[in-house]
N, C-alpha and C. Protein backbone atom coordinates (compact mmCIF):
# COMPACT_ATOMS: atom_id res chain seq x y z
N MET A 1 -115.01 133.57 84.29
CA MET A 1 -114.55 132.22 84.57
C MET A 1 -113.57 132.25 85.73
N GLU A 2 -113.70 131.26 86.56
CA GLU A 2 -112.81 131.19 87.70
C GLU A 2 -111.49 130.52 87.32
N LEU A 3 -110.49 130.74 88.15
CA LEU A 3 -109.15 130.19 87.90
C LEU A 3 -109.16 128.66 87.94
N GLY A 4 -109.94 128.05 88.83
CA GLY A 4 -110.03 126.60 88.95
C GLY A 4 -110.59 125.96 87.69
N SER A 5 -111.60 126.58 87.09
CA SER A 5 -112.18 126.01 85.87
C SER A 5 -111.22 126.12 84.70
N ILE A 6 -110.42 127.18 84.68
CA ILE A 6 -109.41 127.32 83.61
C ILE A 6 -108.38 126.20 83.72
N PHE A 7 -107.92 125.92 84.94
CA PHE A 7 -106.95 124.84 85.14
C PHE A 7 -107.55 123.48 84.79
N LEU A 8 -108.83 123.29 85.09
CA LEU A 8 -109.51 122.03 84.77
C LEU A 8 -109.58 121.83 83.26
N ILE A 9 -109.96 122.88 82.54
CA ILE A 9 -110.04 122.80 81.07
C ILE A 9 -108.65 122.56 80.49
N LEU A 10 -107.63 123.23 81.02
CA LEU A 10 -106.25 123.03 80.55
C LEU A 10 -105.80 121.60 80.79
N ALA A 11 -106.13 121.04 81.96
CA ALA A 11 -105.76 119.66 82.27
C ALA A 11 -106.45 118.69 81.31
N VAL A 12 -107.71 118.94 81.00
CA VAL A 12 -108.44 118.06 80.07
C VAL A 12 -107.79 118.11 78.69
N PHE A 13 -107.41 119.31 78.23
CA PHE A 13 -106.74 119.42 76.93
C PHE A 13 -105.40 118.68 76.92
N ILE A 14 -104.66 118.77 77.99
CA ILE A 14 -103.36 118.08 78.07
C ILE A 14 -103.58 116.57 78.03
N ILE A 15 -104.56 116.08 78.77
CA ILE A 15 -104.82 114.63 78.79
C ILE A 15 -105.29 114.15 77.42
N VAL A 16 -106.15 114.90 76.77
CA VAL A 16 -106.62 114.54 75.43
C VAL A 16 -105.45 114.56 74.45
N GLY A 17 -104.59 115.55 74.55
CA GLY A 17 -103.41 115.63 73.67
C GLY A 17 -102.49 114.45 73.86
N MET A 18 -102.26 114.06 75.11
CA MET A 18 -101.41 112.90 75.37
C MET A 18 -102.04 111.63 74.82
N TYR A 19 -103.36 111.51 74.95
CA TYR A 19 -104.07 110.34 74.44
C TYR A 19 -103.97 110.26 72.92
N LEU A 20 -104.07 111.41 72.26
CA LEU A 20 -103.97 111.43 70.81
C LEU A 20 -102.55 111.20 70.32
N TYR A 21 -101.55 111.54 71.12
CA TYR A 21 -100.15 111.37 70.73
C TYR A 21 -99.66 109.95 70.98
N LEU A 22 -100.33 109.18 71.80
CA LEU A 22 -99.92 107.82 72.17
C LEU A 22 -99.66 106.90 70.97
N PRO A 23 -100.51 106.86 69.94
CA PRO A 23 -100.22 105.96 68.81
C PRO A 23 -98.89 106.25 68.12
N PHE A 24 -98.46 107.48 68.11
CA PHE A 24 -97.18 107.80 67.48
C PHE A 24 -96.02 107.22 68.28
N THR A 25 -96.11 107.20 69.58
CA THR A 25 -95.03 106.63 70.39
C THR A 25 -95.02 105.12 70.30
N VAL A 26 -96.20 104.49 70.19
CA VAL A 26 -96.26 103.03 70.05
C VAL A 26 -95.62 102.60 68.74
N ARG A 27 -95.85 103.34 67.68
CA ARG A 27 -95.26 103.01 66.38
C ARG A 27 -93.74 103.09 66.46
N ALA A 28 -93.22 104.08 67.16
CA ALA A 28 -91.77 104.21 67.31
C ALA A 28 -91.21 103.02 68.07
N ARG A 29 -91.91 102.55 69.09
CA ARG A 29 -91.46 101.38 69.83
C ARG A 29 -91.52 100.13 68.96
N ARG A 30 -92.54 100.01 68.11
CA ARG A 30 -92.68 98.85 67.24
C ARG A 30 -91.52 98.80 66.26
N ILE A 31 -91.12 99.94 65.74
CA ILE A 31 -89.99 99.99 64.82
C ILE A 31 -88.72 99.55 65.53
N SER A 32 -88.55 99.98 66.76
CA SER A 32 -87.35 99.58 67.49
C SER A 32 -87.38 98.09 67.80
N ASN A 33 -88.57 97.50 67.98
CA ASN A 33 -88.65 96.05 68.19
C ASN A 33 -88.22 95.31 66.94
N VAL A 34 -88.59 95.83 65.77
CA VAL A 34 -88.15 95.22 64.51
C VAL A 34 -86.62 95.27 64.43
N ASP A 35 -86.05 96.41 64.79
CA ASP A 35 -84.59 96.52 64.80
C ASP A 35 -83.98 95.53 65.80
N MET A 36 -84.61 95.36 66.94
CA MET A 36 -84.09 94.43 67.94
C MET A 36 -84.12 92.99 67.42
N HIS A 37 -85.16 92.64 66.69
CA HIS A 37 -85.23 91.29 66.11
C HIS A 37 -84.12 91.11 65.07
N GLU A 38 -83.87 92.13 64.28
CA GLU A 38 -82.81 92.04 63.28
C GLU A 38 -81.44 91.93 63.96
N ILE A 39 -81.24 92.69 65.02
CA ILE A 39 -79.98 92.61 65.76
C ILE A 39 -79.82 91.22 66.35
N SER A 40 -80.90 90.67 66.89
CA SER A 40 -80.84 89.33 67.45
C SER A 40 -80.50 88.29 66.39
N ALA A 41 -81.09 88.42 65.22
CA ALA A 41 -80.79 87.48 64.13
C ALA A 41 -79.34 87.62 63.68
N LEU A 42 -78.84 88.85 63.62
CA LEU A 42 -77.44 89.05 63.23
C LEU A 42 -76.48 88.48 64.28
N LYS A 43 -76.82 88.62 65.55
CA LYS A 43 -75.96 88.05 66.59
C LYS A 43 -75.96 86.53 66.53
N ALA A 44 -77.10 85.94 66.21
CA ALA A 44 -77.16 84.49 66.05
C ALA A 44 -76.31 84.06 64.85
N GLY A 45 -76.36 84.83 63.77
CA GLY A 45 -75.51 84.55 62.61
C GLY A 45 -74.04 84.67 62.95
N ARG A 46 -73.70 85.68 63.75
CA ARG A 46 -72.31 85.85 64.19
C ARG A 46 -71.85 84.62 64.98
N ASP A 47 -72.70 84.13 65.89
CA ASP A 47 -72.35 82.96 66.67
C ASP A 47 -72.19 81.72 65.79
N ARG A 48 -73.03 81.60 64.77
CA ARG A 48 -72.89 80.46 63.85
C ARG A 48 -71.57 80.52 63.10
N VAL A 49 -71.17 81.73 62.69
CA VAL A 49 -69.90 81.87 61.97
C VAL A 49 -68.74 81.52 62.90
N ILE A 50 -68.80 81.97 64.14
CA ILE A 50 -67.74 81.66 65.10
C ILE A 50 -67.65 80.16 65.33
N ASN A 51 -68.80 79.50 65.48
CA ASN A 51 -68.80 78.04 65.66
C ASN A 51 -68.26 77.35 64.42
N SER A 52 -68.61 77.84 63.25
CA SER A 52 -68.09 77.25 62.01
C SER A 52 -66.58 77.41 61.91
N LEU A 53 -66.09 78.58 62.32
CA LEU A 53 -64.63 78.78 62.33
C LEU A 53 -63.94 77.81 63.28
N GLN A 54 -64.53 77.62 64.45
CA GLN A 54 -63.96 76.67 65.41
C GLN A 54 -63.94 75.26 64.83
N GLU A 55 -65.05 74.86 64.24
CA GLU A 55 -65.11 73.52 63.67
C GLU A 55 -64.12 73.36 62.51
N LEU A 56 -63.98 74.39 61.69
CA LEU A 56 -63.04 74.33 60.58
C LEU A 56 -61.61 74.20 61.10
N ASP A 57 -61.25 74.98 62.12
CA ASP A 57 -59.91 74.89 62.70
C ASP A 57 -59.67 73.51 63.29
N PHE A 58 -60.67 72.99 64.00
CA PHE A 58 -60.53 71.68 64.61
C PHE A 58 -60.39 70.59 63.55
N ASP A 59 -61.20 70.66 62.51
CA ASP A 59 -61.12 69.67 61.44
C ASP A 59 -59.79 69.75 60.71
N PHE A 60 -59.26 70.96 60.55
CA PHE A 60 -57.96 71.11 59.90
C PHE A 60 -56.85 70.48 60.74
N LYS A 61 -56.93 70.68 62.06
CA LYS A 61 -55.93 70.09 62.95
C LYS A 61 -56.00 68.57 62.93
N LEU A 62 -57.20 68.02 62.76
CA LEU A 62 -57.36 66.57 62.70
C LEU A 62 -57.02 66.00 61.33
N GLY A 63 -56.86 66.87 60.34
CA GLY A 63 -56.52 66.41 59.01
C GLY A 63 -57.72 66.09 58.14
N LYS A 64 -58.90 66.48 58.55
CA LYS A 64 -60.09 66.21 57.77
C LYS A 64 -60.26 67.19 56.61
N VAL A 65 -59.67 68.39 56.75
CA VAL A 65 -59.77 69.41 55.71
C VAL A 65 -58.41 69.51 55.02
N PRO A 66 -58.36 69.40 53.70
CA PRO A 66 -57.09 69.49 52.99
C PRO A 66 -56.44 70.86 53.18
N ALA A 67 -55.12 70.89 53.17
CA ALA A 67 -54.37 72.13 53.41
C ALA A 67 -54.64 73.17 52.33
N GLU A 68 -54.94 72.74 51.10
CA GLU A 68 -55.18 73.71 50.03
C GLU A 68 -56.57 74.33 50.13
N ASP A 69 -57.53 73.64 50.75
CA ASP A 69 -58.89 74.18 50.89
C ASP A 69 -59.06 75.03 52.14
N TYR A 70 -58.25 74.78 53.14
CA TYR A 70 -58.42 75.44 54.44
C TYR A 70 -58.35 76.97 54.36
N PRO A 71 -57.31 77.57 53.75
CA PRO A 71 -57.27 79.03 53.73
C PRO A 71 -58.46 79.66 52.99
N GLU A 72 -58.90 79.02 51.94
CA GLU A 72 -60.03 79.55 51.17
C GLU A 72 -61.32 79.51 51.99
N GLN A 73 -61.57 78.38 52.65
CA GLN A 73 -62.77 78.25 53.47
C GLN A 73 -62.73 79.21 54.67
N ARG A 74 -61.55 79.34 55.26
CA ARG A 74 -61.40 80.23 56.42
C ARG A 74 -61.63 81.69 56.00
N ALA A 75 -61.09 82.07 54.86
CA ALA A 75 -61.26 83.45 54.37
C ALA A 75 -62.74 83.73 54.07
N GLU A 76 -63.42 82.73 53.52
CA GLU A 76 -64.85 82.90 53.22
C GLU A 76 -65.66 83.10 54.50
N LEU A 77 -65.36 82.29 55.53
CA LEU A 77 -66.06 82.45 56.80
C LEU A 77 -65.75 83.79 57.45
N LEU A 78 -64.49 84.22 57.38
CA LEU A 78 -64.12 85.52 57.95
C LEU A 78 -64.82 86.66 57.22
N LYS A 79 -64.95 86.52 55.90
CA LYS A 79 -65.64 87.55 55.12
C LYS A 79 -67.12 87.61 55.50
N LYS A 80 -67.74 86.44 55.66
CA LYS A 80 -69.15 86.39 56.05
C LYS A 80 -69.33 86.99 57.45
N GLY A 81 -68.44 86.66 58.37
CA GLY A 81 -68.50 87.20 59.72
C GLY A 81 -68.29 88.70 59.75
N ALA A 82 -67.37 89.20 58.92
CA ALA A 82 -67.11 90.63 58.85
C ALA A 82 -68.34 91.37 58.32
N GLU A 83 -69.01 90.80 57.35
CA GLU A 83 -70.23 91.43 56.82
C GLU A 83 -71.32 91.50 57.89
N ILE A 84 -71.46 90.43 58.65
CA ILE A 84 -72.46 90.42 59.73
C ILE A 84 -72.12 91.49 60.76
N LEU A 85 -70.84 91.61 61.11
CA LEU A 85 -70.44 92.61 62.09
C LEU A 85 -70.64 94.03 61.56
N ARG A 86 -70.43 94.23 60.29
CA ARG A 86 -70.68 95.56 59.71
C ARG A 86 -72.16 95.92 59.81
N LYS A 87 -73.03 94.96 59.52
CA LYS A 87 -74.47 95.21 59.64
C LYS A 87 -74.85 95.48 61.09
N LEU A 88 -74.24 94.72 62.01
CA LEU A 88 -74.50 94.95 63.43
C LEU A 88 -74.05 96.35 63.85
N ASP A 89 -72.91 96.78 63.35
CA ASP A 89 -72.41 98.11 63.69
C ASP A 89 -73.31 99.20 63.15
N GLU A 90 -73.94 98.97 62.00
CA GLU A 90 -74.87 99.96 61.46
C GLU A 90 -76.11 100.09 62.34
N LEU A 91 -76.60 98.94 62.83
CA LEU A 91 -77.79 98.97 63.66
C LEU A 91 -77.49 99.32 65.11
N GLU A 92 -76.33 98.95 65.56
CA GLU A 92 -75.96 99.11 66.95
C GLU A 92 -74.59 99.79 66.99
N PRO A 93 -74.55 101.11 66.83
CA PRO A 93 -73.26 101.79 66.74
C PRO A 93 -72.46 101.68 68.04
N ARG A 94 -71.19 101.44 67.89
CA ARG A 94 -70.29 101.35 69.03
C ARG A 94 -69.56 102.67 69.19
N VAL A 95 -69.06 102.92 70.37
CA VAL A 95 -68.41 104.20 70.66
C VAL A 95 -67.14 104.36 69.84
N SER A 96 -66.21 103.49 70.03
CA SER A 96 -64.99 103.58 69.22
C SER A 96 -64.46 102.17 69.01
N SER A 97 -64.50 101.73 67.80
CA SER A 97 -64.02 100.40 67.45
C SER A 97 -62.87 100.55 66.48
N ALA A 98 -61.64 100.49 67.02
CA ALA A 98 -60.46 100.67 66.18
C ALA A 98 -60.16 99.39 65.39
N ARG A 99 -60.55 98.23 65.96
CA ARG A 99 -60.25 96.98 65.26
C ARG A 99 -61.22 96.76 64.12
N ASN A 100 -60.74 96.09 63.10
CA ASN A 100 -61.65 95.80 61.99
C ASN A 100 -62.49 94.56 62.30
N ALA A 101 -63.48 94.31 61.49
CA ALA A 101 -64.45 93.26 61.77
C ALA A 101 -63.83 91.87 61.74
N GLU A 102 -62.90 91.62 60.83
CA GLU A 102 -62.30 90.29 60.73
C GLU A 102 -61.49 89.96 61.98
N SER A 103 -60.78 90.93 62.52
CA SER A 103 -60.00 90.64 63.72
C SER A 103 -60.92 90.42 64.92
N ARG A 104 -62.10 91.07 64.93
CA ARG A 104 -63.06 90.84 66.01
C ARG A 104 -63.61 89.43 65.95
N ILE A 105 -63.89 88.94 64.74
CA ILE A 105 -64.36 87.56 64.59
C ILE A 105 -63.26 86.59 65.05
N GLU A 106 -62.04 86.86 64.64
CA GLU A 106 -60.91 86.01 65.01
C GLU A 106 -60.74 85.96 66.53
N THR A 107 -60.85 87.10 67.19
CA THR A 107 -60.70 87.18 68.64
C THR A 107 -61.83 86.43 69.34
N ALA A 108 -63.05 86.58 68.84
CA ALA A 108 -64.18 85.89 69.44
C ALA A 108 -64.04 84.37 69.30
N ALA A 109 -63.57 83.92 68.15
CA ALA A 109 -63.38 82.48 67.95
C ALA A 109 -62.29 81.95 68.87
N ALA A 110 -61.21 82.70 69.04
CA ALA A 110 -60.12 82.28 69.92
C ALA A 110 -60.58 82.24 71.37
N ALA A 111 -61.38 83.22 71.78
CA ALA A 111 -61.87 83.25 73.16
C ALA A 111 -62.79 82.08 73.43
N LYS A 112 -63.66 81.78 72.47
CA LYS A 112 -64.57 80.66 72.65
C LYS A 112 -63.81 79.34 72.69
N ARG A 113 -62.77 79.24 71.87
CA ARG A 113 -61.94 78.04 71.85
C ARG A 113 -61.24 77.88 73.19
N ALA A 114 -60.74 78.97 73.76
CA ALA A 114 -60.06 78.91 75.04
C ALA A 114 -61.02 78.55 76.16
N ASP A 115 -62.26 79.07 76.11
CA ASP A 115 -63.26 78.75 77.12
C ASP A 115 -63.61 77.27 77.09
N ALA A 116 -63.75 76.72 75.91
CA ALA A 116 -64.12 75.32 75.78
C ALA A 116 -63.02 74.41 76.29
N SER A 117 -61.77 74.74 76.02
CA SER A 117 -60.67 73.88 76.46
C SER A 117 -60.43 74.02 77.95
N SER A 118 -60.60 75.22 78.53
CA SER A 118 -60.34 75.39 79.96
C SER A 118 -61.43 74.75 80.80
N SER A 119 -62.68 74.80 80.37
CA SER A 119 -63.76 74.22 81.17
C SER A 119 -63.67 72.69 81.17
N ALA A 120 -63.21 72.11 80.08
CA ALA A 120 -63.08 70.66 80.03
C ALA A 120 -61.90 70.18 80.85
N ALA A 121 -60.83 70.97 80.95
CA ALA A 121 -59.63 70.56 81.65
C ALA A 121 -59.78 70.73 83.16
N GLU A 122 -60.64 71.59 83.64
CA GLU A 122 -60.74 71.87 85.06
C GLU A 122 -61.41 70.76 85.84
N ILE A 123 -62.32 70.01 85.24
CA ILE A 123 -63.07 68.98 85.96
C ILE A 123 -62.39 67.63 85.76
N SER A 124 -61.97 67.03 86.86
CA SER A 124 -61.33 65.72 86.76
C SER A 124 -62.41 64.64 86.78
N ASP A 125 -61.99 63.41 86.49
CA ASP A 125 -62.94 62.30 86.47
C ASP A 125 -63.53 62.04 87.86
N ASP A 126 -62.69 62.15 88.90
CA ASP A 126 -63.18 61.92 90.26
C ASP A 126 -64.22 62.98 90.66
N ASP A 127 -63.96 64.23 90.29
CA ASP A 127 -64.91 65.30 90.60
C ASP A 127 -66.23 65.06 89.86
N LEU A 128 -66.11 64.63 88.62
CA LEU A 128 -67.30 64.37 87.81
C LEU A 128 -68.11 63.23 88.42
N GLU A 129 -67.44 62.18 88.85
CA GLU A 129 -68.14 61.05 89.47
C GLU A 129 -68.82 61.49 90.76
N ALA A 130 -68.16 62.35 91.55
CA ALA A 130 -68.76 62.84 92.79
C ALA A 130 -69.99 63.69 92.50
N MET A 131 -69.92 64.50 91.45
CA MET A 131 -71.06 65.33 91.09
C MET A 131 -72.23 64.47 90.63
N ILE A 132 -71.95 63.41 89.87
CA ILE A 132 -73.01 62.50 89.41
C ILE A 132 -73.64 61.78 90.59
N ALA A 133 -72.81 61.32 91.54
CA ALA A 133 -73.34 60.62 92.72
C ALA A 133 -74.22 61.55 93.55
N ALA A 134 -73.79 62.80 93.72
CA ALA A 134 -74.60 63.76 94.49
C ALA A 134 -75.92 64.03 93.80
N ARG A 135 -75.90 64.12 92.49
CA ARG A 135 -77.13 64.37 91.73
C ARG A 135 -78.09 63.19 91.84
N ARG A 136 -77.54 61.97 91.76
CA ARG A 136 -78.39 60.78 91.89
C ARG A 136 -79.00 60.70 93.28
N LYS A 137 -78.21 61.03 94.30
CA LYS A 137 -78.69 61.00 95.68
C LYS A 137 -79.82 62.01 95.86
N GLN A 138 -79.66 63.17 95.23
CA GLN A 138 -80.68 64.22 95.32
C GLN A 138 -81.98 63.76 94.68
N HIS A 139 -81.89 63.06 93.54
CA HIS A 139 -83.10 62.61 92.84
C HIS A 139 -83.77 61.42 93.52
N LYS A 140 -83.01 60.67 94.35
CA LYS A 140 -83.58 59.52 95.02
C LYS A 140 -84.31 59.90 96.30
N SER A 141 -84.31 61.17 96.65
CA SER A 141 -85.03 61.59 97.85
C SER A 141 -86.49 61.23 97.69
N LYS A 142 -87.01 60.57 98.72
CA LYS A 142 -88.39 60.12 98.64
C LYS A 142 -89.29 61.12 99.34
N PRO A 143 -90.53 61.15 98.94
CA PRO A 143 -91.46 62.06 99.60
C PRO A 143 -91.59 61.72 101.08
N ALA A 144 -91.65 62.76 101.90
CA ALA A 144 -91.77 62.55 103.34
C ALA A 144 -93.20 62.72 103.80
N GLY A 145 -94.07 63.04 102.91
CA GLY A 145 -95.46 63.22 103.28
C GLY A 145 -96.03 64.44 102.59
N PHE A 146 -96.90 65.11 103.31
CA PHE A 146 -97.58 66.27 102.74
C PHE A 146 -97.45 67.46 103.67
N CYS A 147 -97.53 68.64 103.10
CA CYS A 147 -97.45 69.88 103.85
C CYS A 147 -98.71 69.99 104.72
N PRO A 148 -98.54 70.30 106.03
CA PRO A 148 -99.72 70.43 106.89
C PRO A 148 -100.56 71.66 106.54
N SER A 149 -99.96 72.63 105.84
CA SER A 149 -100.68 73.86 105.53
C SER A 149 -101.47 73.76 104.23
N CYS A 150 -100.78 73.35 103.14
CA CYS A 150 -101.45 73.36 101.83
C CYS A 150 -101.76 71.97 101.29
N GLY A 151 -101.16 70.91 101.86
CA GLY A 151 -101.46 69.56 101.43
C GLY A 151 -100.65 69.07 100.24
N LYS A 152 -99.69 69.86 99.75
CA LYS A 152 -98.85 69.44 98.62
C LYS A 152 -97.77 68.48 99.11
N PRO A 153 -97.29 67.56 98.25
CA PRO A 153 -96.23 66.63 98.68
C PRO A 153 -94.91 67.36 98.90
N VAL A 154 -94.15 66.93 99.93
CA VAL A 154 -92.84 67.49 100.26
C VAL A 154 -91.84 66.36 100.37
N LEU A 155 -90.55 66.66 100.18
CA LEU A 155 -89.48 65.67 100.29
C LEU A 155 -88.94 65.66 101.71
N ALA A 156 -88.21 64.59 102.06
CA ALA A 156 -87.65 64.47 103.40
C ALA A 156 -86.60 65.55 103.66
N ALA A 157 -85.89 65.99 102.62
CA ALA A 157 -84.84 66.98 102.79
C ALA A 157 -85.37 68.41 102.85
N ASP A 158 -86.64 68.60 102.55
CA ASP A 158 -87.21 69.95 102.54
C ASP A 158 -87.37 70.49 103.95
N GLN A 159 -86.97 71.73 104.15
CA GLN A 159 -87.19 72.41 105.42
C GLN A 159 -88.43 73.29 105.35
N PHE A 160 -88.78 73.70 104.13
CA PHE A 160 -89.95 74.52 103.89
C PHE A 160 -90.75 73.90 102.75
N CYS A 161 -92.02 74.13 102.75
CA CYS A 161 -92.89 73.64 101.68
C CYS A 161 -92.56 74.39 100.39
N PRO A 162 -92.30 73.69 99.28
CA PRO A 162 -91.99 74.38 98.02
C PRO A 162 -93.18 75.15 97.45
N SER A 163 -94.39 74.82 97.87
CA SER A 163 -95.56 75.51 97.34
C SER A 163 -95.95 76.75 98.15
N CYS A 164 -96.11 76.56 99.46
CA CYS A 164 -96.61 77.68 100.25
C CYS A 164 -95.53 78.33 101.12
N GLY A 165 -94.40 77.66 101.34
CA GLY A 165 -93.30 78.25 102.10
C GLY A 165 -93.38 78.03 103.60
N LYS A 166 -94.35 77.26 104.09
CA LYS A 166 -94.50 77.02 105.51
C LYS A 166 -93.36 76.14 106.02
N SER A 167 -92.86 76.44 107.20
CA SER A 167 -91.79 75.67 107.80
C SER A 167 -92.27 74.27 108.11
N LEU A 168 -91.46 73.26 107.80
CA LEU A 168 -91.84 71.86 108.03
C LEU A 168 -91.19 71.29 109.27
N LYS A 169 -90.30 72.01 109.92
CA LYS A 169 -89.56 71.50 111.09
C LYS A 169 -90.20 71.92 112.37
């Protein structure tokens, strides 16, 4: 047997082996997809708990929640959030997390509360009115005709055709 035929037979065996091993790698990926769906569901649950904590704090400040019920409801939500974070940590291990789960939920709720208050305070009424006027002006743009290249409708403000990209100027 020649050396070339030996390499050819070896290559065929390697390709056949890889083909036979492929289903095992697909199954491993499928299992990781299941884990990813579970992680996604847990993160959605975490976000729901954070939103519930925010709403509970807001309702307490408005006086809608009695003072005797507030600590109990808050502790229950923190416990639920801590359990979700523990499950997340089991599926998605972190390098070093010195803080406990309840303080992480508390920090996330405070950060979200700060984001909501800062974004609302930054935009003044005049800025908002200017943004609305600009948006209305943009939507009132009338068609200027059709693209000479592809025949699709174009607006007067367009410099290029949105369909084919041909210059309109």
